[in-house]
Amino acid sequence: MTKKVLRKLFKEKRSQLTLAQRKIASSHIFGHLAEHFKWENKVISIFLPIARLNELETAPIIEFLAKKNTLALPFTMLEQLAMGHRKLSDDTIITNNEWGIPEPQNGEIIHPALLDVIFIPLLISDEKGYRVGYGKGFYDRFLENCREDALLIGLNYFPSIATISDTEGTDVPLDYLISPKGIEAFKR
């Protein structure tokens, strides 16, 4: 299936998940992450969930990772269709942008080349690690500026599907996908 068809299908599937199902799934994803990945002294990008799109809850992941790592939260520059990151601290102010995306309003800018691990929201991925997002390309453009050895991890309610039929040469595959079913590793 094409990205357009998959985007519509998995937005619908996600919208049908109940609050209880989303909480349980988010808890399982956190459990898999906490059990299998042990990071210290890393610079980690982690997104804040968009509530109206029923994105999975990342607060437990943030709390867990913040103990021994530097966390960076993405923010959008809508006019440039670009994304940046700010360091998360106790005085970080979070507000929703005009698209309802929670973003840091203050804090030190973190250059993409400093990121060791990048957690990426998505709607679905395939067995090669290619993903379907919301279609605006923020993460694709952002990843062009990151180190090749940065670890790319998708977090999703759904495990991967066989294939996305219209991937492009500019698409960057994930290294891992964490879903309630477990962790999938991809060759990049």
N, C-alpha and C. Protein backbone atom coordinates (compact mmCIF):
# COMPACT_ATOMS: atom_id res chain seq x y z
N MET A 1 0.83 -1.19 0.00
CA MET A 1 0.00 0.00 0.00
C MET A 1 0.88 1.25 0.00
N THR A 2 0.31 2.33 -0.50
CA THR A 2 1.04 3.59 -0.57
C THR A 2 0.98 4.31 0.78
N LYS A 3 1.87 5.29 0.93
CA LYS A 3 1.89 6.08 2.16
C LYS A 3 0.54 6.77 2.38
N LYS A 4 -0.04 7.29 1.33
CA LYS A 4 -1.32 7.99 1.45
C LYS A 4 -2.42 7.06 1.99
N VAL A 5 -2.49 5.87 1.45
CA VAL A 5 -3.51 4.90 1.89
C VAL A 5 -3.22 4.46 3.33
N LEU A 6 -1.95 4.17 3.61
CA LEU A 6 -1.57 3.74 4.96
C LEU A 6 -1.80 4.84 5.99
N ARG A 7 -1.52 6.08 5.61
CA ARG A 7 -1.72 7.22 6.53
C ARG A 7 -3.20 7.29 6.94
N LYS A 8 -4.08 7.20 5.97
CA LYS A 8 -5.52 7.26 6.25
C LYS A 8 -5.95 6.07 7.10
N LEU A 9 -5.50 4.88 6.73
CA LEU A 9 -5.89 3.65 7.42
C LEU A 9 -5.44 3.66 8.88
N PHE A 10 -4.17 4.03 9.13
CA PHE A 10 -3.67 3.95 10.50
C PHE A 10 -4.06 5.15 11.35
N LYS A 11 -4.40 6.27 10.74
CA LYS A 11 -5.02 7.35 11.52
C LYS A 11 -6.37 6.87 12.04
N GLU A 12 -7.10 6.19 11.19
CA GLU A 12 -8.41 5.65 11.58
C GLU A 12 -8.26 4.58 12.65
N LYS A 13 -7.32 3.65 12.47
CA LYS A 13 -7.11 2.59 13.47
C LYS A 13 -6.74 3.21 14.82
N ARG A 14 -5.86 4.20 14.79
CA ARG A 14 -5.45 4.84 16.05
C ARG A 14 -6.64 5.55 16.69
N SER A 15 -7.47 6.21 15.89
CA SER A 15 -8.61 6.95 16.46
C SER A 15 -9.62 6.01 17.12
N GLN A 16 -9.62 4.74 16.73
CA GLN A 16 -10.55 3.77 17.29
C GLN A 16 -10.07 3.15 18.61
N LEU A 17 -8.80 3.39 18.95
CA LEU A 17 -8.30 2.87 20.23
C LEU A 17 -8.92 3.64 21.38
N THR A 18 -9.37 2.93 22.38
CA THR A 18 -9.93 3.60 23.56
C THR A 18 -8.80 4.18 24.41
N LEU A 19 -9.15 5.04 25.34
CA LEU A 19 -8.16 5.60 26.25
C LEU A 19 -7.47 4.48 27.03
N ALA A 20 -8.23 3.51 27.48
CA ALA A 20 -7.66 2.38 28.23
C ALA A 20 -6.69 1.59 27.36
N GLN A 21 -7.04 1.34 26.11
CA GLN A 21 -6.15 0.61 25.20
C GLN A 21 -4.85 1.40 24.96
N ARG A 22 -4.97 2.71 24.79
CA ARG A 22 -3.79 3.55 24.56
C ARG A 22 -2.87 3.55 25.77
N LYS A 23 -3.46 3.61 26.97
CA LYS A 23 -2.65 3.60 28.20
C LYS A 23 -1.92 2.28 28.36
N ILE A 24 -2.60 1.18 28.12
CA ILE A 24 -1.98 -0.14 28.23
C ILE A 24 -0.86 -0.28 27.20
N ALA A 25 -1.12 0.14 25.97
CA ALA A 25 -0.11 0.06 24.91
C ALA A 25 1.11 0.91 25.27
N SER A 26 0.89 2.13 25.73
CA SER A 26 1.99 3.01 26.12
C SER A 26 2.80 2.39 27.25
N SER A 27 2.13 1.74 28.18
CA SER A 27 2.81 1.08 29.30
C SER A 27 3.69 -0.07 28.80
N HIS A 28 3.18 -0.86 27.87
CA HIS A 28 3.96 -1.97 27.30
C HIS A 28 5.19 -1.44 26.55
N ILE A 29 5.00 -0.38 25.79
CA ILE A 29 6.11 0.21 25.04
C ILE A 29 7.18 0.70 26.00
N PHE A 30 6.76 1.38 27.06
CA PHE A 30 7.73 1.83 28.07
C PHE A 30 8.46 0.64 28.68
N GLY A 31 7.73 -0.42 28.98
CA GLY A 31 8.35 -1.61 29.57
C GLY A 31 9.41 -2.22 28.67
N HIS A 32 9.11 -2.33 27.38
CA HIS A 32 10.09 -2.87 26.43
C HIS A 32 11.33 -1.98 26.38
N LEU A 33 11.12 -0.69 26.33
CA LEU A 33 12.24 0.25 26.26
C LEU A 33 13.11 0.16 27.51
N ALA A 34 12.47 0.20 28.67
CA ALA A 34 13.21 0.19 29.94
C ALA A 34 13.97 -1.11 30.14
N GLU A 35 13.42 -2.20 29.64
CA GLU A 35 14.06 -3.51 29.82
C GLU A 35 15.24 -3.72 28.88
N HIS A 36 15.15 -3.21 27.66
CA HIS A 36 16.14 -3.55 26.64
C HIS A 36 17.17 -2.47 26.33
N PHE A 37 16.91 -1.23 26.71
CA PHE A 37 17.85 -0.16 26.41
C PHE A 37 18.30 0.51 27.69
N LYS A 38 19.59 0.55 27.91
CA LYS A 38 20.16 1.19 29.11
C LYS A 38 21.14 2.26 28.64
N TRP A 39 20.69 3.50 28.67
CA TRP A 39 21.55 4.59 28.22
C TRP A 39 21.96 5.46 29.40
N GLU A 40 23.17 5.97 29.31
CA GLU A 40 23.67 6.96 30.26
C GLU A 40 24.49 7.97 29.49
N ASN A 41 24.40 9.21 29.89
CA ASN A 41 25.19 10.30 29.30
C ASN A 41 24.98 10.43 27.79
N LYS A 42 23.77 10.21 27.34
CA LYS A 42 23.41 10.38 25.93
C LYS A 42 22.58 11.64 25.80
N VAL A 43 22.56 12.17 24.58
CA VAL A 43 21.66 13.28 24.25
C VAL A 43 20.54 12.65 23.42
N ILE A 44 19.32 12.74 23.95
CA ILE A 44 18.20 11.98 23.40
C ILE A 44 17.05 12.92 23.02
N SER A 45 16.58 12.79 21.79
CA SER A 45 15.40 13.52 21.33
C SER A 45 14.18 12.67 21.64
N ILE A 46 13.20 13.28 22.30
CA ILE A 46 11.94 12.59 22.60
C ILE A 46 10.79 13.55 22.37
N PHE A 47 9.78 13.10 21.66
CA PHE A 47 8.64 13.95 21.32
C PHE A 47 7.60 13.96 22.44
N LEU A 48 6.83 15.02 22.48
CA LEU A 48 5.68 15.11 23.36
C LEU A 48 4.45 14.72 22.55
N PRO A 49 3.51 13.97 23.12
CA PRO A 49 2.38 13.48 22.33
C PRO A 49 1.39 14.58 21.97
N ILE A 50 0.83 14.45 20.78
CA ILE A 50 -0.24 15.33 20.32
C ILE A 50 -1.55 14.69 20.77
N ALA A 51 -2.19 15.27 21.75
CA ALA A 51 -3.37 14.66 22.38
C ALA A 51 -4.50 14.42 21.38
N ARG A 52 -4.76 15.40 20.53
CA ARG A 52 -5.91 15.27 19.61
C ARG A 52 -5.70 14.16 18.57
N LEU A 53 -4.45 13.71 18.40
CA LEU A 53 -4.15 12.62 17.46
C LEU A 53 -3.93 11.29 18.17
N ASN A 54 -4.21 11.27 19.48
CA ASN A 54 -4.10 10.04 20.28
C ASN A 54 -2.71 9.42 20.22
N GLU A 55 -1.67 10.27 20.16
CA GLU A 55 -0.31 9.73 20.17
C GLU A 55 -0.02 9.10 21.53
N LEU A 56 0.91 8.15 21.52
CA LEU A 56 1.19 7.44 22.76
C LEU A 56 1.84 8.34 23.79
N GLU A 57 1.65 7.99 25.03
CA GLU A 57 2.13 8.79 26.17
C GLU A 57 3.63 8.59 26.34
N THR A 58 4.37 9.69 26.32
CA THR A 58 5.82 9.60 26.47
C THR A 58 6.32 10.07 27.83
N ALA A 59 5.44 10.53 28.71
CA ALA A 59 5.87 11.04 30.02
C ALA A 59 6.68 10.02 30.82
N PRO A 60 6.28 8.74 30.91
CA PRO A 60 7.11 7.78 31.66
C PRO A 60 8.49 7.58 31.03
N ILE A 61 8.55 7.61 29.71
CA ILE A 61 9.83 7.46 29.02
C ILE A 61 10.72 8.66 29.33
N ILE A 62 10.14 9.84 29.29
CA ILE A 62 10.89 11.07 29.59
C ILE A 62 11.43 11.02 31.01
N GLU A 63 10.58 10.66 31.95
CA GLU A 63 11.00 10.59 33.36
C GLU A 63 12.13 9.57 33.55
N PHE A 64 12.01 8.43 32.90
CA PHE A 64 13.02 7.37 32.99
C PHE A 64 14.35 7.81 32.40
N LEU A 65 14.31 8.40 31.20
CA LEU A 65 15.54 8.77 30.50
C LEU A 65 16.21 10.01 31.10
N ALA A 66 15.42 10.91 31.68
CA ALA A 66 15.97 12.17 32.19
C ALA A 66 16.90 11.96 33.38
N LYS A 67 16.81 10.83 34.04
CA LYS A 67 17.64 10.58 35.22
C LYS A 67 19.13 10.52 34.89
N LYS A 68 19.48 10.01 33.71
CA LYS A 68 20.89 9.79 33.40
C LYS A 68 21.30 10.34 32.04
N ASN A 69 20.43 11.13 31.40
CA ASN A 69 20.70 11.61 30.06
C ASN A 69 20.26 13.06 29.90
N THR A 70 20.68 13.68 28.83
CA THR A 70 20.19 15.01 28.44
C THR A 70 19.07 14.79 27.44
N LEU A 71 17.91 15.38 27.71
CA LEU A 71 16.79 15.22 26.79
C LEU A 71 16.56 16.50 26.01
N ALA A 72 16.20 16.32 24.75
CA ALA A 72 15.90 17.43 23.86
C ALA A 72 14.50 17.23 23.30
N LEU A 73 13.70 18.30 23.33
CA LEU A 73 12.33 18.24 22.83
C LEU A 73 12.25 18.98 21.49
N PRO A 74 11.56 18.38 20.51
CA PRO A 74 11.45 19.04 19.21
C PRO A 74 10.49 20.22 19.25
N PHE A 75 10.77 21.19 18.38
CA PHE A 75 9.85 22.28 18.12
C PHE A 75 9.86 22.55 16.63
N THR A 76 8.75 23.05 16.12
CA THR A 76 8.64 23.29 14.69
C THR A 76 8.84 24.76 14.36
N MET A 77 9.40 24.97 13.19
CA MET A 77 9.49 26.30 12.58
C MET A 77 8.60 26.20 11.35
N LEU A 78 7.31 26.50 11.55
CA LEU A 78 6.30 26.19 10.55
C LEU A 78 6.55 26.86 9.21
N GLU A 79 6.99 28.11 9.20
CA GLU A 79 7.21 28.81 7.93
C GLU A 79 8.29 28.14 7.10
N GLN A 80 9.31 27.60 7.75
CA GLN A 80 10.40 26.93 7.04
C GLN A 80 10.15 25.43 6.87
N LEU A 81 9.06 24.94 7.41
CA LEU A 81 8.77 23.51 7.45
C LEU A 81 9.98 22.74 8.00
N ALA A 82 10.53 23.27 9.09
CA ALA A 82 11.73 22.70 9.71
C ALA A 82 11.47 22.42 11.18
N MET A 83 12.39 21.69 11.78
CA MET A 83 12.28 21.30 13.17
C MET A 83 13.61 21.54 13.86
N GLY A 84 13.54 21.99 15.11
CA GLY A 84 14.72 22.15 15.95
C GLY A 84 14.47 21.46 17.28
N HIS A 85 15.45 21.56 18.19
CA HIS A 85 15.33 20.94 19.51
C HIS A 85 15.81 21.89 20.59
N ARG A 86 15.16 21.82 21.74
CA ARG A 86 15.58 22.57 22.93
C ARG A 86 15.80 21.58 24.07
N LYS A 87 16.80 21.88 24.88
CA LYS A 87 17.11 21.05 26.03
C LYS A 87 15.97 21.13 27.05
N LEU A 88 15.55 19.98 27.56
CA LEU A 88 14.53 19.90 28.59
C LEU A 88 15.16 20.19 29.94
N SER A 89 14.55 21.09 30.70
CA SER A 89 15.02 21.39 32.05
C SER A 89 13.81 21.62 32.94
N ASP A 90 14.07 21.82 34.22
CA ASP A 90 12.97 22.04 35.18
C ASP A 90 12.16 23.29 34.86
N ASP A 91 12.76 24.26 34.19
CA ASP A 91 12.03 25.50 33.89
C ASP A 91 11.55 25.58 32.44
N THR A 92 11.55 24.46 31.74
CA THR A 92 11.05 24.45 30.36
C THR A 92 9.56 24.74 30.35
N ILE A 93 9.17 25.67 29.50
CA ILE A 93 7.76 26.02 29.32
C ILE A 93 7.26 25.33 28.05
N ILE A 94 6.19 24.57 28.19
CA ILE A 94 5.60 23.83 27.07
C ILE A 94 4.26 24.47 26.72
N THR A 95 4.07 24.80 25.44
CA THR A 95 2.77 25.27 24.95
C THR A 95 2.50 24.60 23.61
N ASN A 96 1.23 24.56 23.23
CA ASN A 96 0.85 23.98 21.95
C ASN A 96 1.00 25.02 20.84
N ASN A 97 1.59 24.59 19.71
CA ASN A 97 1.68 25.51 18.58
C ASN A 97 0.33 25.57 17.86
N GLU A 98 0.28 26.25 16.74
CA GLU A 98 -1.01 26.44 16.05
C GLU A 98 -1.60 25.14 15.50
N TRP A 99 -0.79 24.08 15.40
CA TRP A 99 -1.29 22.78 14.96
C TRP A 99 -1.61 21.87 16.14
N GLY A 100 -1.49 22.40 17.36
CA GLY A 100 -1.79 21.61 18.55
C GLY A 100 -0.65 20.71 18.99
N ILE A 101 0.57 20.99 18.52
CA ILE A 101 1.73 20.19 18.88
C ILE A 101 2.40 20.81 20.10
N PRO A 102 2.54 20.07 21.21
CA PRO A 102 3.21 20.62 22.39
C PRO A 102 4.71 20.78 22.12
N GLU A 103 5.21 21.99 22.45
CA GLU A 103 6.61 22.31 22.14
C GLU A 103 7.23 23.15 23.25
N PRO A 104 8.56 23.02 23.41
CA PRO A 104 9.25 23.87 24.38
C PRO A 104 9.37 25.30 23.85
N GLN A 105 9.12 26.26 24.71
CA GLN A 105 9.20 27.67 24.31
C GLN A 105 10.51 28.32 24.72
N ASN A 106 11.26 27.65 25.56
CA ASN A 106 12.52 28.21 26.04
C ASN A 106 13.52 27.08 26.20
N GLY A 107 14.76 27.46 26.43
CA GLY A 107 15.80 26.48 26.67
C GLY A 107 16.88 26.52 25.61
N GLU A 108 17.99 25.93 25.96
CA GLU A 108 19.16 25.87 25.09
C GLU A 108 18.83 25.09 23.82
N ILE A 109 19.24 25.63 22.67
CA ILE A 109 19.07 24.93 21.40
C ILE A 109 20.10 23.79 21.34
N ILE A 110 19.64 22.61 20.94
CA ILE A 110 20.51 21.45 20.79
C ILE A 110 20.69 21.19 19.29
N HIS A 111 21.91 21.23 18.82
CA HIS A 111 22.20 20.99 17.41
C HIS A 111 21.92 19.53 17.06
N PRO A 112 21.37 19.24 15.88
CA PRO A 112 21.06 17.85 15.50
C PRO A 112 22.26 16.91 15.57
N ALA A 113 23.46 17.40 15.30
CA ALA A 113 24.64 16.55 15.32
C ALA A 113 25.01 16.06 16.72
N LEU A 114 24.42 16.66 17.74
CA LEU A 114 24.69 16.25 19.12
C LEU A 114 23.80 15.10 19.59
N LEU A 115 22.75 14.80 18.84
CA LEU A 115 21.79 13.79 19.26
C LEU A 115 22.34 12.38 19.04
N ASP A 116 22.30 11.58 20.10
CA ASP A 116 22.73 10.18 20.04
C ASP A 116 21.57 9.24 19.73
N VAL A 117 20.39 9.57 20.24
CA VAL A 117 19.19 8.74 20.09
C VAL A 117 18.04 9.66 19.73
N ILE A 118 17.23 9.25 18.75
CA ILE A 118 16.08 10.05 18.32
C ILE A 118 14.85 9.15 18.31
N PHE A 119 13.89 9.47 19.17
CA PHE A 119 12.61 8.77 19.17
C PHE A 119 11.69 9.49 18.18
N ILE A 120 11.05 8.70 17.32
CA ILE A 120 10.28 9.27 16.22
C ILE A 120 8.84 8.78 16.29
N PRO A 121 7.88 9.72 16.27
CA PRO A 121 6.48 9.32 16.20
C PRO A 121 6.15 8.87 14.77
N LEU A 122 5.19 7.99 14.64
CA LEU A 122 4.81 7.52 13.30
C LEU A 122 3.43 6.90 13.35
N LEU A 123 2.88 6.67 12.18
CA LEU A 123 1.60 5.99 12.07
C LEU A 123 1.81 4.49 11.84
N ILE A 124 2.79 4.14 10.98
CA ILE A 124 3.10 2.74 10.71
C ILE A 124 4.49 2.67 10.08
N SER A 125 5.12 1.50 10.19
CA SER A 125 6.40 1.26 9.52
C SER A 125 6.33 -0.10 8.85
N ASP A 126 7.32 -0.33 7.97
CA ASP A 126 7.35 -1.64 7.32
C ASP A 126 8.54 -2.46 7.81
N GLU A 127 8.69 -3.67 7.27
CA GLU A 127 9.71 -4.61 7.73
C GLU A 127 11.14 -4.15 7.47
N LYS A 128 11.31 -3.10 6.67
CA LYS A 128 12.64 -2.55 6.41
C LYS A 128 12.92 -1.31 7.26
N GLY A 129 11.93 -0.93 8.08
CA GLY A 129 12.11 0.23 8.95
C GLY A 129 11.65 1.55 8.36
N TYR A 130 11.11 1.52 7.15
CA TYR A 130 10.58 2.76 6.57
C TYR A 130 9.26 3.08 7.24
N ARG A 131 8.97 4.36 7.39
CA ARG A 131 7.82 4.75 8.18
C ARG A 131 6.90 5.71 7.41
N VAL A 132 5.69 5.76 7.91
CA VAL A 132 4.71 6.73 7.43
C VAL A 132 4.38 7.64 8.60
N GLY A 133 4.58 8.93 8.40
CA GLY A 133 4.22 9.93 9.40
C GLY A 133 2.99 10.68 8.91
N TYR A 134 2.91 11.94 9.28
CA TYR A 134 1.75 12.73 8.91
C TYR A 134 1.86 13.38 7.53
N GLY A 135 3.02 13.25 6.89
CA GLY A 135 3.14 13.69 5.51
C GLY A 135 3.73 15.06 5.27
N LYS A 136 4.13 15.75 6.30
CA LYS A 136 4.71 17.09 6.11
C LYS A 136 6.23 17.05 5.96
N GLY A 137 6.86 15.94 6.30
CA GLY A 137 8.29 15.77 6.10
C GLY A 137 9.20 16.42 7.12
N PHE A 138 8.66 16.84 8.28
CA PHE A 138 9.49 17.49 9.30
C PHE A 138 10.64 16.59 9.74
N TYR A 139 10.32 15.35 10.08
CA TYR A 139 11.37 14.44 10.55
C TYR A 139 12.33 14.08 9.43
N ASP A 140 11.84 13.86 8.22
CA ASP A 140 12.74 13.52 7.11
C ASP A 140 13.77 14.62 6.88
N ARG A 141 13.33 15.86 6.84
CA ARG A 141 14.27 16.97 6.65
C ARG A 141 15.21 17.11 7.84
N PHE A 142 14.68 16.92 9.05
CA PHE A 142 15.50 17.03 10.25
C PHE A 142 16.59 15.96 10.28
N LEU A 143 16.24 14.73 9.94
CA LEU A 143 17.19 13.62 10.00
C LEU A 143 18.37 13.80 9.04
N GLU A 144 18.18 14.59 7.98
CA GLU A 144 19.28 14.88 7.06
C GLU A 144 20.45 15.57 7.78
N ASN A 145 20.18 16.27 8.88
CA ASN A 145 21.20 17.02 9.61
C ASN A 145 21.75 16.27 10.81
N CYS A 146 21.28 15.06 11.03
CA CYS A 146 21.74 14.27 12.18
C CYS A 146 22.90 13.38 11.77
N ARG A 147 23.63 12.91 12.77
CA ARG A 147 24.73 11.99 12.51
C ARG A 147 24.20 10.67 11.96
N GLU A 148 24.99 10.04 11.11
CA GLU A 148 24.60 8.75 10.55
C GLU A 148 24.50 7.67 11.62
N ASP A 149 25.28 7.82 12.70
CA ASP A 149 25.28 6.80 13.74
C ASP A 149 24.26 7.07 14.85
N ALA A 150 23.46 8.13 14.70
CA ALA A 150 22.39 8.38 15.69
C ALA A 150 21.39 7.22 15.60
N LEU A 151 20.95 6.74 16.74
CA LEU A 151 20.01 5.63 16.81
C LEU A 151 18.59 6.17 16.59
N LEU A 152 17.89 5.64 15.60
CA LEU A 152 16.54 6.08 15.26
C LEU A 152 15.54 5.02 15.72
N ILE A 153 14.66 5.43 16.65
CA ILE A 153 13.72 4.48 17.24
C ILE A 153 12.30 5.01 17.08
N GLY A 154 11.47 4.24 16.40
CA GLY A 154 10.06 4.57 16.27
C GLY A 154 9.28 4.02 17.44
N LEU A 155 8.30 4.78 17.88
CA LEU A 155 7.38 4.34 18.94
C LEU A 155 5.99 4.33 18.34
N ASN A 156 5.32 3.17 18.42
CA ASN A 156 4.03 3.07 17.76
C ASN A 156 3.13 2.03 18.42
N TYR A 157 1.83 2.27 18.32
CA TYR A 157 0.85 1.32 18.83
C TYR A 157 0.84 0.02 18.02
N PHE A 158 1.28 0.10 16.75
CA PHE A 158 1.14 -1.03 15.84
C PHE A 158 2.50 -1.57 15.41
N PRO A 159 2.63 -2.91 15.32
CA PRO A 159 3.87 -3.48 14.79
C PRO A 159 3.98 -3.18 13.29
N SER A 160 5.13 -3.47 12.72
CA SER A 160 5.35 -3.15 11.30
C SER A 160 4.48 -4.03 10.40
N ILE A 161 4.28 -3.51 9.20
CA ILE A 161 3.58 -4.25 8.14
C ILE A 161 4.64 -4.74 7.14
N ALA A 162 4.25 -5.52 6.17
CA ALA A 162 5.21 -6.09 5.22
C ALA A 162 5.96 -5.02 4.44
N THR A 163 5.25 -4.12 3.78
CA THR A 163 5.95 -3.14 2.94
C THR A 163 5.12 -1.88 2.72
N ILE A 164 5.85 -0.79 2.54
CA ILE A 164 5.27 0.48 2.08
C ILE A 164 5.70 0.57 0.62
N SER A 165 4.74 0.66 -0.28
CA SER A 165 5.05 0.50 -1.71
C SER A 165 5.73 1.70 -2.36
N ASP A 166 5.64 2.87 -1.76
CA ASP A 166 6.18 4.06 -2.43
C ASP A 166 7.25 4.79 -1.62
N THR A 167 8.17 4.02 -1.01
CA THR A 167 9.29 4.67 -0.33
C THR A 167 10.17 5.34 -1.37
N GLU A 168 10.89 6.36 -0.91
CA GLU A 168 11.74 7.15 -1.81
C GLU A 168 13.18 7.10 -1.30
N GLY A 169 14.10 7.50 -2.15
CA GLY A 169 15.51 7.51 -1.79
C GLY A 169 15.83 8.42 -0.64
N THR A 170 15.00 9.42 -0.39
CA THR A 170 15.23 10.35 0.72
C THR A 170 14.67 9.85 2.04
N ASP A 171 13.90 8.78 2.02
CA ASP A 171 13.34 8.23 3.25
C ASP A 171 14.45 7.58 4.07
N VAL A 172 14.44 7.85 5.36
CA VAL A 172 15.46 7.31 6.26
C VAL A 172 14.80 6.23 7.13
N PRO A 173 15.30 4.98 7.06
CA PRO A 173 14.68 3.93 7.86
C PRO A 173 15.07 4.02 9.34
N LEU A 174 14.22 3.45 10.15
CA LEU A 174 14.47 3.35 11.58
C LEU A 174 15.50 2.26 11.86
N ASP A 175 16.12 2.33 13.03
CA ASP A 175 16.94 1.23 13.51
C ASP A 175 16.08 0.23 14.28
N TYR A 176 15.11 0.76 15.03
CA TYR A 176 14.22 -0.07 15.84
C TYR A 176 12.81 0.50 15.81
N LEU A 177 11.85 -0.38 16.02
CA LEU A 177 10.47 0.01 16.28
C LEU A 177 10.09 -0.64 17.60
N ILE A 178 9.51 0.14 18.50
CA ILE A 178 8.99 -0.41 19.76
C ILE A 178 7.48 -0.26 19.72
N SER A 179 6.79 -1.37 19.80
CA SER A 179 5.32 -1.40 19.85
C SER A 179 4.93 -2.24 21.06
N PRO A 180 3.64 -2.32 21.38
CA PRO A 180 3.24 -3.17 22.50
C PRO A 180 3.66 -4.64 22.31
N LYS A 181 3.82 -5.07 21.07
CA LYS A 181 4.21 -6.46 20.78
C LYS A 181 5.67 -6.74 21.08
N GLY A 182 6.51 -5.69 21.12
CA GLY A 182 7.93 -5.89 21.39
C GLY A 182 8.80 -4.95 20.60
N ILE A 183 10.05 -5.35 20.40
CA ILE A 183 11.03 -4.53 19.71
C ILE A 183 11.41 -5.21 18.40
N GLU A 184 11.33 -4.45 17.31
CA GLU A 184 11.77 -4.93 16.01
C GLU A 184 13.04 -4.18 15.64
N ALA A 185 14.05 -4.90 15.18
CA ALA A 185 15.31 -4.30 14.74
C ALA A 185 15.36 -4.35 13.22
N PHE A 186 15.86 -3.27 12.63
CA PHE A 186 15.98 -3.17 11.18
C PHE A 186 17.43 -2.93 10.81
N LYS A 187 17.81 -3.34 9.62
CA LYS A 187 19.15 -3.05 9.11
C LYS A 187 19.10 -1.73 8.37
N ARG A 188 20.02 -0.85 8.76
CA ARG A 188 20.04 0.46 8.09
C ARG A 188 21.36 0.59 7.37
